[in-house]
Amino acid sequence: MFRRTFWFTTGVAAGVWATTKVNRKLRQLTPESLAATAANKAIEAGGRIKDRAVDFALDVRDNMARREAELGDALGLDAPVDRELPVSGRYAAIENRNSPKSKPRYAEGSAYLTNPYNRNEDH
């Protein structure tokens, strides 16, 4: 009789354990549970990606500042600045049309002679 009770109790315990496991797995596979799990994993992955992006941006900023300093040293940009402006090395190809000093000189047969309202004269 004791043997029958033992095996009956063991069977009941195994059935309860199996039922609990199956019900737990079924609850995990419901659409709401799957959506919540996916959302939690996406939030975790987003946090990791954000941390990596922030670290990358900080590395880029540090390296950019270091490279700018190297270029500034190489080009002498950190030298003391002279307050006087340098003399311009650029000269006008054609005199200013609105200048009262002189009349502009254009090539013969130019569009400027026939069309005085040409807006593309600087190009």
PDB file of N, CA and C in Angstrom:
ATOM      1  N   MET A   1       0.806  -1.179   0.000  1.00  0.00           N
ATOM      2  CA  MET A   1       0.000   0.000   0.000  1.00  0.00           C
ATOM      3  C   MET A   1       0.869   1.271   0.000  1.00  0.00           C
ATOM      4  N   PHE A   2       1.956   1.223   0.746  1.00  0.00           N
ATOM      5  CA  PHE A   2       2.844   2.367   0.803  1.00  0.00           C
ATOM      6  C   PHE A   2       3.444   2.655  -0.571  1.00  0.00           C
ATOM      7  N   ARG A   3       3.747   1.625  -1.341  1.00  0.00           N
ATOM      8  CA  ARG A   3       4.289   1.794  -2.683  1.00  0.00           C
ATOM      9  C   ARG A   3       3.303   2.507  -3.595  1.00  0.00           C
ATOM     10  N   ARG A   4       2.084   2.133  -3.545  1.00  0.00           N
ATOM     11  CA  ARG A   4       1.065   2.761  -4.375  1.00  0.00           C
ATOM     12  C   ARG A   4       0.923   4.231  -4.025  1.00  0.00           C
ATOM     13  N   THR A   5       0.944   4.554  -2.758  1.00  0.00           N
ATOM     14  CA  THR A   5       0.840   5.952  -2.335  1.00  0.00           C
ATOM     15  C   THR A   5       2.048   6.762  -2.812  1.00  0.00           C
ATOM     16  N   PHE A   6       3.216   6.160  -2.714  1.00  0.00           N
ATOM     17  CA  PHE A   6       4.429   6.845  -3.175  1.00  0.00           C
ATOM     18  C   PHE A   6       4.346   7.146  -4.666  1.00  0.00           C
ATOM     19  N   TRP A   7       3.992   6.154  -5.471  1.00  0.00           N
ATOM     20  CA  TRP A   7       3.948   6.371  -6.909  1.00  0.00           C
ATOM     21  C   TRP A   7       2.787   7.278  -7.299  1.00  0.00           C
ATOM     22  N   PHE A   8       1.699   7.213  -6.577  1.00  0.00           N
ATOM     23  CA  PHE A   8       0.585   8.135  -6.843  1.00  0.00           C
ATOM     24  C   PHE A   8       1.039   9.576  -6.578  1.00  0.00           C
ATOM     25  N   THR A   9       1.700   9.803  -5.441  1.00  0.00           N
ATOM     26  CA  THR A   9       2.176  11.150  -5.090  1.00  0.00           C
ATOM     27  C   THR A   9       3.231  11.623  -6.088  1.00  0.00           C
ATOM     28  N   THR A  10       4.100  10.738  -6.508  1.00  0.00           N
ATOM     29  CA  THR A  10       5.115  11.104  -7.504  1.00  0.00           C
ATOM     30  C   THR A  10       4.446  11.481  -8.823  1.00  0.00           C
ATOM     31  N   GLY A  11       3.477  10.761  -9.241  1.00  0.00           N
ATOM     32  CA  GLY A  11       2.744  11.067 -10.471  1.00  0.00           C
ATOM     33  C   GLY A  11       2.019  12.396 -10.386  1.00  0.00           C
ATOM     34  N   VAL A  12       1.384  12.664  -9.246  1.00  0.00           N
ATOM     35  CA  VAL A  12       0.681  13.942  -9.058  1.00  0.00           C
ATOM     36  C   VAL A  12       1.691  15.091  -9.114  1.00  0.00           C
ATOM     37  N   ALA A  13       2.820  14.924  -8.433  1.00  0.00           N
ATOM     38  CA  ALA A  13       3.851  15.977  -8.426  1.00  0.00           C
ATOM     39  C   ALA A  13       4.399  16.214  -9.834  1.00  0.00           C
ATOM     40  N   ALA A  14       4.646  15.144 -10.589  1.00  0.00           N
ATOM     41  CA  ALA A  14       5.137  15.282 -11.967  1.00  0.00           C
ATOM     42  C   ALA A  14       4.092  15.965 -12.835  1.00  0.00           C
ATOM     43  N   GLY A  15       2.825  15.620 -12.653  1.00  0.00           N
ATOM     44  CA  GLY A  15       1.756  16.257 -13.418  1.00  0.00           C
ATOM     45  C   GLY A  15       1.637  17.733 -13.103  1.00  0.00           C
ATOM     46  N   VAL A  16       1.725  18.072 -11.812  1.00  0.00           N
ATOM     47  CA  VAL A  16       1.656  19.487 -11.429  1.00  0.00           C
ATOM     48  C   VAL A  16       2.845  20.249 -12.008  1.00  0.00           C
ATOM     49  N   TRP A  17       4.025  19.628 -11.908  1.00  0.00           N
ATOM     50  CA  TRP A  17       5.237  20.285 -12.434  1.00  0.00           C
ATOM     51  C   TRP A  17       5.129  20.496 -13.944  1.00  0.00           C
ATOM     52  N   ALA A  18       4.692  19.464 -14.683  1.00  0.00           N
ATOM     53  CA  ALA A  18       4.564  19.557 -16.140  1.00  0.00           C
ATOM     54  C   ALA A  18       3.489  20.576 -16.523  1.00  0.00           C
ATOM     55  N   THR A  19       2.372  20.576 -15.816  1.00  0.00           N
ATOM     56  CA  THR A  19       1.301  21.538 -16.100  1.00  0.00           C
ATOM     57  C   THR A  19       1.781  22.964 -15.868  1.00  0.00           C
ATOM     58  N   THR A  20       2.514  23.162 -14.771  1.00  0.00           N
ATOM     59  CA  THR A  20       3.043  24.500 -14.473  1.00  0.00           C
ATOM     60  C   THR A  20       4.006  24.956 -15.565  1.00  0.00           C
ATOM     61  N   LYS A  21       4.900  24.061 -15.997  1.00  0.00           N
ATOM     62  CA  LYS A  21       5.861  24.410 -17.045  1.00  0.00           C
ATOM     63  C   LYS A  21       5.151  24.758 -18.351  1.00  0.00           C
ATOM     64  N   VAL A  22       4.169  23.958 -18.735  1.00  0.00           N
ATOM     65  CA  VAL A  22       3.445  24.198 -19.985  1.00  0.00           C
ATOM     66  C   VAL A  22       2.673  25.509 -19.910  1.00  0.00           C
ATOM     67  N   ASN A  23       1.993  25.748 -18.799  1.00  0.00           N
ATOM     68  CA  ASN A  23       1.233  26.999 -18.664  1.00  0.00           C
ATOM     69  C   ASN A  23       2.165  28.220 -18.697  1.00  0.00           C
ATOM     70  N   ARG A  24       3.328  28.111 -18.050  1.00  0.00           N
ATOM     71  CA  ARG A  24       4.283  29.217 -18.049  1.00  0.00           C
ATOM     72  C   ARG A  24       4.773  29.495 -19.472  1.00  0.00           C
ATOM     73  N   LYS A  25       5.072  28.431 -20.223  1.00  0.00           N
ATOM     74  CA  LYS A  25       5.534  28.597 -21.601  1.00  0.00           C
ATOM     75  C   LYS A  25       4.432  29.161 -22.485  1.00  0.00           C
ATOM     76  N   LEU A  26       3.201  28.738 -22.274  1.00  0.00           N
ATOM     77  CA  LEU A  26       2.080  29.279 -23.049  1.00  0.00           C
ATOM     78  C   LEU A  26       1.879  30.771 -22.770  1.00  0.00           C
ATOM     79  N   ARG A  27       2.043  31.166 -21.502  1.00  0.00           N
ATOM     80  CA  ARG A  27       1.931  32.595 -21.180  1.00  0.00           C
ATOM     81  C   ARG A  27       3.043  33.399 -21.844  1.00  0.00           C
ATOM     82  N   GLN A  28       4.234  32.799 -21.985  1.00  0.00           N
ATOM     83  CA  GLN A  28       5.337  33.499 -22.637  1.00  0.00           C
ATOM     84  C   GLN A  28       5.105  33.652 -24.136  1.00  0.00           C
ATOM     85  N   LEU A  29       4.295  32.792 -24.701  1.00  0.00           N
ATOM     86  CA  LEU A  29       4.070  32.819 -26.144  1.00  0.00           C
ATOM     87  C   LEU A  29       2.812  33.582 -26.551  1.00  0.00           C
ATOM     88  N   THR A  30       2.144  34.230 -25.629  1.00  0.00           N
ATOM     89  CA  THR A  30       0.990  35.050 -26.006  1.00  0.00           C
ATOM     90  C   THR A  30       1.498  36.293 -26.728  1.00  0.00           C
ATOM     91  N   PRO A  31       0.677  36.886 -27.609  1.00  0.00           N
ATOM     92  CA  PRO A  31       1.109  38.071 -28.351  1.00  0.00           C
ATOM     93  C   PRO A  31       1.527  39.239 -27.434  1.00  0.00           C
ATOM     94  N   GLU A  32       0.798  39.443 -26.338  1.00  0.00           N
ATOM     95  CA  GLU A  32       1.141  40.539 -25.439  1.00  0.00           C
ATOM     96  C   GLU A  32       2.513  40.325 -24.808  1.00  0.00           C
ATOM     97  N   SER A  33       2.779  39.088 -24.395  1.00  0.00           N
ATOM     98  CA  SER A  33       4.061  38.772 -23.776  1.00  0.00           C
ATOM     99  C   SER A  33       5.205  38.884 -24.788  1.00  0.00           C
ATOM    100  N   LEU A  34       4.964  38.409 -26.006  1.00  0.00           N
ATOM    101  CA  LEU A  34       5.994  38.520 -27.049  1.00  0.00           C
ATOM    102  C   LEU A  34       6.284  39.980 -27.380  1.00  0.00           C
ATOM    103  N   ALA A  35       5.237  40.800 -27.438  1.00  0.00           N
ATOM    104  CA  ALA A  35       5.435  42.224 -27.713  1.00  0.00           C
ATOM    105  C   ALA A  35       6.215  42.898 -26.589  1.00  0.00           C
ATOM    106  N   ALA A  36       5.888  42.559 -25.346  1.00  0.00           N
ATOM    107  CA  ALA A  36       6.605  43.152 -24.214  1.00  0.00           C
ATOM    108  C   ALA A  36       8.066  42.725 -24.201  1.00  0.00           C
ATOM    109  N   THR A  37       8.326  41.460 -24.503  1.00  0.00           N
ATOM    110  CA  THR A  37       9.704  40.966 -24.551  1.00  0.00           C
ATOM    111  C   THR A  37      10.483  41.654 -25.667  1.00  0.00           C
ATOM    112  N   ALA A  38       9.851  41.780 -26.827  1.00  0.00           N
ATOM    113  CA  ALA A  38      10.523  42.452 -27.945  1.00  0.00           C
ATOM    114  C   ALA A  38      10.808  43.913 -27.617  1.00  0.00           C
ATOM    115  N   ALA A  39       9.851  44.573 -26.965  1.00  0.00           N
ATOM    116  CA  ALA A  39      10.057  45.972 -26.596  1.00  0.00           C
ATOM    117  C   ALA A  39      11.193  46.107 -25.587  1.00  0.00           C
ATOM    118  N   ASN A  40      11.254  45.230 -24.616  1.00  0.00           N
ATOM    119  CA  ASN A  40      12.330  45.285 -23.628  1.00  0.00           C
ATOM    120  C   ASN A  40      13.692  45.049 -24.278  1.00  0.00           C
ATOM    121  N   LYS A  41      13.756  44.085 -25.192  1.00  0.00           N
ATOM    122  CA  LYS A  41      15.026  43.824 -25.874  1.00  0.00           C
ATOM    123  C   LYS A  41      15.415  44.989 -26.771  1.00  0.00           C
ATOM    124  N   ALA A  42      14.433  45.621 -27.410  1.00  0.00           N
ATOM    125  CA  ALA A  42      14.737  46.780 -28.248  1.00  0.00           C
ATOM    126  C   ALA A  42      15.254  47.939 -27.407  1.00  0.00           C
ATOM    127  N   ILE A  43      14.670  48.135 -26.242  1.00  0.00           N
ATOM    128  CA  ILE A  43      15.138  49.208 -25.347  1.00  0.00           C
ATOM    129  C   ILE A  43      16.562  48.928 -24.884  1.00  0.00           C
ATOM    130  N   GLU A  44      16.848  47.666 -24.538  1.00  0.00           N
ATOM    131  CA  GLU A  44      18.207  47.314 -24.124  1.00  0.00           C
ATOM    132  C   GLU A  44      19.194  47.519 -25.263  1.00  0.00           C
ATOM    133  N   ALA A  45      18.821  47.066 -26.476  1.00  0.00           N
ATOM    134  CA  ALA A  45      19.708  47.229 -27.631  1.00  0.00           C
ATOM    135  C   ALA A  45      19.880  48.702 -27.963  1.00  0.00           C
ATOM    136  N   GLY A  46      18.796  49.477 -27.874  1.00  0.00           N
ATOM    137  CA  GLY A  46      18.892  50.916 -28.132  1.00  0.00           C
ATOM    138  C   GLY A  46      19.821  51.604 -27.146  1.00  0.00           C
ATOM    139  N   GLY A  47      19.766  51.189 -25.904  1.00  0.00           N
ATOM    140  CA  GLY A  47      20.665  51.758 -24.905  1.00  0.00           C
ATOM    141  C   GLY A  47      22.115  51.444 -25.211  1.00  0.00           C
ATOM    142  N   ARG A  48      22.368  50.210 -25.654  1.00  0.00           N
ATOM    143  CA  ARG A  48      23.743  49.833 -26.008  1.00  0.00           C
ATOM    144  C   ARG A  48      24.213  50.611 -27.230  1.00  0.00           C
ATOM    145  N   ILE A  49      23.325  50.749 -28.226  1.00  0.00           N
ATOM    146  CA  ILE A  49      23.686  51.495 -29.435  1.00  0.00           C
ATOM    147  C   ILE A  49      23.929  52.954 -29.089  1.00  0.00           C
ATOM    148  N   LYS A  50      23.082  53.514 -28.228  1.00  0.00           N
ATOM    149  CA  LYS A  50      23.254  54.910 -27.827  1.00  0.00           C
ATOM    150  C   LYS A  50      24.594  55.105 -27.120  1.00  0.00           C
ATOM    151  N   ASP A  51      24.925  54.184 -26.232  1.00  0.00           N
ATOM    152  CA  ASP A  51      26.202  54.291 -25.526  1.00  0.00           C
ATOM    153  C   ASP A  51      27.373  54.215 -26.494  1.00  0.00           C
ATOM    154  N   ARG A  52      27.275  53.308 -27.455  1.00  0.00           N
ATOM    155  CA  ARG A  52      28.342  53.200 -28.458  1.00  0.00           C
ATOM    156  C   ARG A  52      28.428  54.459 -29.309  1.00  0.00           C
ATOM    157  N   ALA A  53      27.278  55.019 -29.695  1.00  0.00           N
ATOM    158  CA  ALA A  53      27.272  56.234 -30.516  1.00  0.00           C
ATOM    159  C   ALA A  53      27.856  57.407 -29.738  1.00  0.00           C
ATOM    160  N   VAL A  54      27.521  57.518 -28.468  1.00  0.00           N
ATOM    161  CA  VAL A  54      28.063  58.601 -27.650  1.00  0.00           C
ATOM    162  C   VAL A  54      29.580  58.449 -27.514  1.00  0.00           C
ATOM    163  N   ASP A  55      30.035  57.224 -27.261  1.00  0.00           N
ATOM    164  CA  ASP A  55      31.473  56.980 -27.168  1.00  0.00           C
ATOM    165  C   ASP A  55      32.176  57.314 -28.481  1.00  0.00           C
ATOM    166  N   PHE A  56      31.555  56.925 -29.595  1.00  0.00           N
ATOM    167  CA  PHE A  56      32.135  57.224 -30.904  1.00  0.00           C
ATOM    168  C   PHE A  56      32.202  58.732 -31.129  1.00  0.00           C
ATOM    169  N   ALA A  57      31.134  59.448 -30.805  1.00  0.00           N
ATOM    170  CA  ALA A  57      31.118  60.904 -30.994  1.00  0.00           C
ATOM    171  C   ALA A  57      32.184  61.582 -30.132  1.00  0.00           C
ATOM    172  N   LEU A  58      32.356  61.108 -28.904  1.00  0.00           N
ATOM    173  CA  LEU A  58      33.392  61.688 -28.045  1.00  0.00           C
ATOM    174  C   LEU A  58      34.786  61.400 -28.587  1.00  0.00           C
ATOM    175  N   ASP A  59      34.999  60.194 -29.108  1.00  0.00           N
ATOM    176  CA  ASP A  59      36.293  59.870 -29.717  1.00  0.00           C
ATOM    177  C   ASP A  59      36.557  60.747 -30.928  1.00  0.00           C
ATOM    178  N   VAL A  60      35.537  60.931 -31.767  1.00  0.00           N
ATOM    179  CA  VAL A  60      35.692  61.778 -32.955  1.00  0.00           C
ATOM    180  C   VAL A  60      36.025  63.209 -32.535  1.00  0.00           C
ATOM    181  N   ARG A  61      35.327  63.721 -31.539  1.00  0.00           N
ATOM    182  CA  ARG A  61      35.565  65.088 -31.081  1.00  0.00           C
ATOM    183  C   ARG A  61      36.989  65.254 -30.536  1.00  0.00           C
ATOM    184  N   ASP A  62      37.448  64.279 -29.752  1.00  0.00           N
ATOM    185  CA  ASP A  62      38.804  64.349 -29.205  1.00  0.00           C
ATOM    186  C   ASP A  62      39.853  64.297 -30.310  1.00  0.00           C
ATOM    187  N   ASN A  63      39.673  63.363 -31.238  1.00  0.00           N
ATOM    188  CA  ASN A  63      40.627  63.244 -32.336  1.00  0.00           C
ATOM    189  C   ASN A  63      40.583  64.453 -33.260  1.00  0.00           C
ATOM    190  N   MET A  64      39.397  65.042 -33.443  1.00  0.00           N
ATOM    191  CA  MET A  64      39.279  66.228 -34.275  1.00  0.00           C
ATOM    192  C   MET A  64      40.029  67.399 -33.647  1.00  0.00           C
ATOM    193  N   ALA A  65      39.878  67.562 -32.340  1.00  0.00           N
ATOM    194  CA  ALA A  65      40.582  68.650 -31.659  1.00  0.00           C
ATOM    195  C   ALA A  65      42.097  68.436 -31.722  1.00  0.00           C
ATOM    196  N   ARG A  66      42.531  67.183 -31.546  1.00  0.00           N
ATOM    197  CA  ARG A  66      43.957  66.887 -31.622  1.00  0.00           C
ATOM    198  C   ARG A  66      44.489  67.164 -33.021  1.00  0.00           C
ATOM    199  N   ARG A  67      43.753  66.764 -34.041  1.00  0.00           N
ATOM    200  CA  ARG A  67      44.196  66.981 -35.434  1.00  0.00           C
ATOM    201  C   ARG A  67      44.192  68.464 -35.775  1.00  0.00           C
ATOM    202  N   GLU A  68      43.199  69.209 -35.307  1.00  0.00           N
ATOM    203  CA  GLU A  68      43.183  70.652 -35.549  1.00  0.00           C
ATOM    204  C   GLU A  68      44.393  71.317 -34.913  1.00  0.00           C
ATOM    205  N   ALA A  69      44.763  70.863 -33.721  1.00  0.00           N
ATOM    206  CA  ALA A  69      45.949  71.413 -33.067  1.00  0.00           C
ATOM    207  C   ALA A  69      47.205  71.078 -33.866  1.00  0.00           C
ATOM    208  N   GLU A  70      47.294  69.849 -34.384  1.00  0.00           N
ATOM    209  CA  GLU A  70      48.443  69.472 -35.209  1.00  0.00           C
ATOM    210  C   GLU A  70      48.518  70.338 -36.469  1.00  0.00           C
ATOM    211  N   LEU A  71      47.385  70.516 -37.125  1.00  0.00           N
ATOM    212  CA  LEU A  71      47.373  71.337 -38.339  1.00  0.00           C
ATOM    213  C   LEU A  71      47.684  72.798 -38.027  1.00  0.00           C
ATOM    214  N   GLY A  72      47.158  73.278 -36.894  1.00  0.00           N
ATOM    215  CA  GLY A  72      47.455  74.656 -36.502  1.00  0.00           C
ATOM    216  C   GLY A  72      48.941  74.850 -36.257  1.00  0.00           C
ATOM    217  N   ASP A  73      49.586  73.879 -35.626  1.00  0.00           N
ATOM    218  CA  ASP A  73      51.029  73.963 -35.406  1.00  0.00           C
ATOM    219  C   ASP A  73      51.790  73.895 -36.722  1.00  0.00           C
ATOM    220  N   ALA A  74      51.355  72.979 -37.616  1.00  0.00           N
ATOM    221  CA  ALA A  74      52.051  72.806 -38.890  1.00  0.00           C
ATOM    222  C   ALA A  74      51.913  74.036 -39.786  1.00  0.00           C
ATOM    223  N   LEU A  75      50.768  74.685 -39.751  1.00  0.00           N
ATOM    224  CA  LEU A  75      50.526  75.847 -40.613  1.00  0.00           C
ATOM    225  C   LEU A  75      50.873  77.167 -39.938  1.00  0.00           C
ATOM    226  N   GLY A  76      51.218  77.117 -38.668  1.00  0.00           N
ATOM    227  CA  GLY A  76      51.570  78.341 -37.954  1.00  0.00           C
ATOM    228  C   GLY A  76      50.376  79.212 -37.648  1.00  0.00           C
ATOM    229  N   LEU A  77      49.235  78.608 -37.458  1.00  0.00           N
ATOM    230  CA  LEU A  77      48.029  79.394 -37.189  1.00  0.00           C
ATOM    231  C   LEU A  77      47.995  79.905 -35.757  1.00  0.00           C
ATOM    232  N   ASP A  78      48.824  79.349 -34.899  1.00  0.00           N
ATOM    233  CA  ASP A  78      48.850  79.787 -33.518  1.00  0.00           C
ATOM    234  C   ASP A  78      49.814  80.947 -33.303  1.00  0.00           C
ATOM    235  N   ALA A  79      50.444  81.411 -34.378  1.00  0.00           N
ATOM    236  CA  ALA A  79      51.382  82.526 -34.276  1.00  0.00           C
ATOM    237  C   ALA A  79      50.614  83.800 -33.935  1.00  0.00           C
ATOM    238  N   PRO A  80      51.293  84.799 -33.340  1.00  0.00           N
ATOM    239  CA  PRO A  80      50.601  86.048 -33.030  1.00  0.00           C
ATOM    240  C   PRO A  80      50.065  86.710 -34.296  1.00  0.00           C
ATOM    241  N   VAL A  81      48.883  87.269 -34.177  1.00  0.00           N
ATOM    242  CA  VAL A  81      48.198  87.851 -35.327  1.00  0.00           C
ATOM    243  C   VAL A  81      48.578  89.321 -35.443  1.00  0.00           C
ATOM    244  N   ASP A  82      48.968  89.742 -36.670  1.00  0.00           N
ATOM    245  CA  ASP A  82      49.254  91.145 -36.933  1.00  0.00           C
ATOM    246  C   ASP A  82      47.933  91.849 -37.201  1.00  0.00           C
ATOM    247  N   ARG A  83      47.701  92.965 -36.547  1.00  0.00           N
ATOM    248  CA  ARG A  83      46.400  93.640 -36.629  1.00  0.00           C
ATOM    249  C   ARG A  83      46.179  94.336 -37.964  1.00  0.00           C
ATOM    250  N   GLU A  84      47.215  94.618 -38.723  1.00  0.00           N
ATOM    251  CA  GLU A  84      47.032  95.273 -40.016  1.00  0.00           C
ATOM    252  C   GLU A  84      46.615  94.245 -41.056  1.00  0.00           C
ATOM    253  N   LEU A  85      45.711  94.647 -41.931  1.00  0.00           N
ATOM    254  CA  LEU A  85      45.239  93.751 -42.968  1.00  0.00           C
ATOM    255  C   LEU A  85      46.292  93.623 -44.055  1.00  0.00           C
ATOM    256  N   PRO A  86      46.452  92.443 -44.632  1.00  0.00           N
ATOM    257  CA  PRO A  86      47.422  92.291 -45.712  1.00  0.00           C
ATOM    258  C   PRO A  86      46.918  92.967 -46.981  1.00  0.00           C
ATOM    259  N   VAL A  87      47.833  93.292 -47.861  1.00  0.00           N
ATOM    260  CA  VAL A  87      47.483  93.914 -49.129  1.00  0.00           C
ATOM    261  C   VAL A  87      46.821  92.867 -50.004  1.00  0.00           C
ATOM    262  N   SER A  88      45.743  93.234 -50.640  1.00  0.00           N
ATOM    263  CA  SER A  88      45.010  92.295 -51.472  1.00  0.00           C
ATOM    264  C   SER A  88      45.810  91.968 -52.723  1.00  0.00           C
ATOM    265  N   GLY A  89      45.889  90.697 -53.048  1.00  0.00           N
ATOM    266  CA  GLY A  89      46.595  90.272 -54.247  1.00  0.00           C
ATOM    267  C   GLY A  89      45.655  90.063 -55.409  1.00  0.00           C
ATOM    268  N   ARG A  90      44.404  90.466 -55.270  1.00  0.00           N
ATOM    269  CA  ARG A  90      43.419  90.266 -56.320  1.00  0.00           C
ATOM    270  C   ARG A  90      43.159  91.578 -57.037  1.00  0.00           C
ATOM    271  N   TYR A  91      43.041  91.494 -58.347  1.00  0.00           N
ATOM    272  CA  TYR A  91      42.748  92.662 -59.157  1.00  0.00           C
ATOM    273  C   TYR A  91      41.528  92.363 -60.011  1.00  0.00           C
ATOM    274  N   ALA A  92      40.761  93.388 -60.305  1.00  0.00           N
ATOM    275  CA  ALA A  92      39.576  93.214 -61.131  1.00  0.00           C
ATOM    276  C   ALA A  92      39.982  92.950 -62.568  1.00  0.00           C
ATOM    277  N   ALA A  93      39.336  91.984 -63.212  1.00  0.00           N
ATOM    278  CA  ALA A  93      39.639  91.671 -64.606  1.00  0.00           C
ATOM    279  C   ALA A  93      39.104  92.767 -65.516  1.00  0.00           C
ATOM    280  N   ILE A  94      37.966  93.329 -65.164  1.00  0.00           N
ATOM    281  CA  ILE A  94      37.358  94.427 -65.924  1.00  0.00           C
ATOM    282  C   ILE A  94      37.042  95.514 -64.922  1.00  0.00           C
ATOM    283  N   GLU A  95      37.275  96.744 -65.316  1.00  0.00           N
ATOM    284  CA  GLU A  95      37.003  97.838 -64.397  1.00  0.00           C
ATOM    285  C   GLU A  95      35.525  97.864 -64.025  1.00  0.00           C
ATOM    286  N   ASN A  96      35.231  98.460 -62.915  1.00  0.00           N
ATOM    287  CA  ASN A  96      33.866  98.566 -62.437  1.00  0.00           C
ATOM    288  C   ASN A  96      33.058  99.423 -63.380  1.00  0.00           C
ATOM    289  N   ARG A  97      31.931  98.923 -63.813  1.00  0.00           N
ATOM    290  CA  ARG A  97      31.062  99.630 -64.758  1.00  0.00           C
ATOM    291  C   ARG A  97      30.496 100.906 -64.142  1.00  0.00           C
ATOM    292  N   ASN A  98      30.280 100.906 -62.827  1.00  0.00           N
ATOM    293  CA  ASN A  98      29.689 102.061 -62.166  1.00  0.00           C
ATOM    294  C   ASN A  98      30.733 103.070 -61.709  1.00  0.00           C
ATOM    295  N   SER A  99      31.971 102.800 -61.974  1.00  0.00           N
ATOM    296  CA  SER A  99      33.030 103.696 -61.537  1.00  0.00           C
ATOM    297  C   SER A  99      33.008 104.969 -62.381  1.00  0.00           C
ATOM    298  N   PRO A 100      33.003 106.142 -61.756  1.00  0.00           N
ATOM    299  CA  PRO A 100      32.985 107.389 -62.530  1.00  0.00           C
ATOM    300  C   PRO A 100      34.369 107.726 -63.086  1.00  0.00           C
ATOM    301  N   LYS A 101      35.401 106.999 -62.697  1.00  0.00           N
ATOM    302  CA  LYS A 101      36.758 107.318 -63.110  1.00  0.00           C
ATOM    303  C   LYS A 101      37.013 107.013 -64.575  1.00  0.00           C
ATOM    304  N   SER A 102      36.578 105.873 -65.023  1.00  0.00           N
ATOM    305  CA  SER A 102      36.897 105.504 -66.399  1.00  0.00           C
ATOM    306  C   SER A 102      35.756 104.707 -67.009  1.00  0.00           C
ATOM    307  N   LYS A 103      35.756 104.711 -68.314  1.00  0.00           N
ATOM    308  CA  LYS A 103      34.764 103.950 -69.046  1.00  0.00           C
ATOM    309  C   LYS A 103      35.314 102.532 -69.226  1.00  0.00           C
ATOM    310  N   PRO A 104      34.495 101.477 -68.985  1.00  0.00           N
ATOM    311  CA  PRO A 104      35.014 100.114 -69.109  1.00  0.00           C
ATOM    312  C   PRO A 104      35.386  99.766 -70.546  1.00  0.00           C
ATOM    313  N   ARG A 105      36.381  98.920 -70.656  1.00  0.00           N
ATOM    314  CA  ARG A 105      36.825  98.483 -71.978  1.00  0.00           C
ATOM    315  C   ARG A 105      36.403  97.040 -72.172  1.00  0.00           C
ATOM    316  N   TYR A 106      35.616  96.814 -73.209  1.00  0.00           N
ATOM    317  CA  TYR A 106      35.145  95.476 -73.509  1.00  0.00           C
ATOM    318  C   TYR A 106      35.659  95.080 -74.889  1.00  0.00           C
ATOM    319  N   ALA A 107      35.672  93.787 -75.129  1.00  0.00           N
ATOM    320  CA  ALA A 107      36.089  93.285 -76.436  1.00  0.00           C
ATOM    321  C   ALA A 107      35.061  93.692 -77.482  1.00  0.00           C
ATOM    322  N   GLU A 108      35.531  93.870 -78.691  1.00  0.00           N
ATOM    323  CA  GLU A 108      34.637  94.243 -79.786  1.00  0.00           C
ATOM    324  C   GLU A 108      33.629  93.120 -80.033  1.00  0.00           C
ATOM    325  N   GLY A 109      32.391  93.498 -80.298  1.00  0.00           N
ATOM    326  CA  GLY A 109      31.354  92.519 -80.571  1.00  0.00           C
ATOM    327  C   GLY A 109      30.870  91.804 -79.315  1.00  0.00           C
ATOM    328  N   SER A 110      31.156  92.337 -78.151  1.00  0.00           N
ATOM    329  CA  SER A 110      30.771  91.708 -76.902  1.00  0.00           C
ATOM    330  C   SER A 110      29.286  91.905 -76.645  1.00  0.00           C
ATOM    331  N   ALA A 111      28.713  91.008 -75.852  1.00  0.00           N
ATOM    332  CA  ALA A 111      27.296  91.104 -75.499  1.00  0.00           C
ATOM    333  C   ALA A 111      27.051  92.304 -74.593  1.00  0.00           C
ATOM    334  N   TYR A 112      28.094  92.800 -73.948  1.00  0.00           N
ATOM    335  CA  TYR A 112      27.926  93.933 -73.056  1.00  0.00           C
ATOM    336  C   TYR A 112      27.570  95.199 -73.827  1.00  0.00           C
ATOM    337  N   LEU A 113      28.012  95.302 -75.050  1.00  0.00           N
ATOM    338  CA  LEU A 113      27.695  96.488 -75.830  1.00  0.00           C
ATOM    339  C   LEU A 113      26.239  96.481 -76.292  1.00  0.00           C
ATOM    340  N   THR A 114      25.688  95.308 -76.571  1.00  0.00           N
ATOM    341  CA  THR A 114      24.325  95.236 -77.087  1.00  0.00           C
ATOM    342  C   THR A 114      23.294  95.051 -75.991  1.00  0.00           C
ATOM    343  N   ASN A 115      23.678  94.462 -74.854  1.00  0.00           N
ATOM    344  CA  ASN A 115      22.725  94.193 -73.784  1.00  0.00           C
ATOM    345  C   ASN A 115      23.278  94.767 -72.479  1.00  0.00           C
ATOM    346  N   PRO A 116      22.938  96.019 -72.156  1.00  0.00           N
ATOM    347  CA  PRO A 116      23.506  96.643 -70.959  1.00  0.00           C
ATOM    348  C   PRO A 116      22.916  96.086 -69.656  1.00  0.00           C
ATOM    349  N   TYR A 117      21.838  95.311 -69.719  1.00  0.00           N
ATOM    350  CA  TYR A 117      21.211  94.818 -68.506  1.00  0.00           C
ATOM    351  C   TYR A 117      21.564  93.351 -68.219  1.00  0.00           C
ATOM    352  N   ASN A 118      22.684  92.899 -68.662  1.00  0.00           N
ATOM    353  CA  ASN A 118      23.115  91.535 -68.438  1.00  0.00           C
ATOM    354  C   ASN A 118      23.495  91.367 -66.963  1.00  0.00           C
ATOM    355  N   ARG A 119      22.791  90.502 -66.259  1.00  0.00           N
ATOM    356  CA  ARG A 119      23.021  90.291 -64.823  1.00  0.00           C
ATOM    357  C   ARG A 119      24.178  89.341 -64.561  1.00  0.00           C
ATOM    358  N   ASN A 120      24.697  88.665 -65.558  1.00  0.00           N
ATOM    359  CA  ASN A 120      25.757  87.697 -65.376  1.00  0.00           C
ATOM    360  C   ASN A 120      27.146  88.272 -65.644  1.00  0.00           C
ATOM    361  N   GLU A 121      27.308  89.552 -65.495  1.00  0.00           N
ATOM    362  CA  GLU A 121      28.581  90.154 -65.856  1.00  0.00           C
ATOM    363  C   GLU A 121      29.703  89.801 -64.885  1.00  0.00           C
ATOM    364  N   ASP A 122      29.383  89.344 -63.687  1.00  0.00           N
ATOM    365  CA  ASP A 122      30.421  88.987 -62.735  1.00  0.00           C
ATOM    366  C   ASP A 122      30.821  87.527 -62.846  1.00  0.00           C
ATOM    367  N   HIS A 123      30.143  86.775 -63.625  1.00  0.00           N
ATOM    368  CA  HIS A 123      30.410  85.333 -63.653  1.00  0.00           C
ATOM    369  C   HIS A 123      31.277  85.025 -64.820  1.00  0.00           C
TER     370      HIS A 123
END
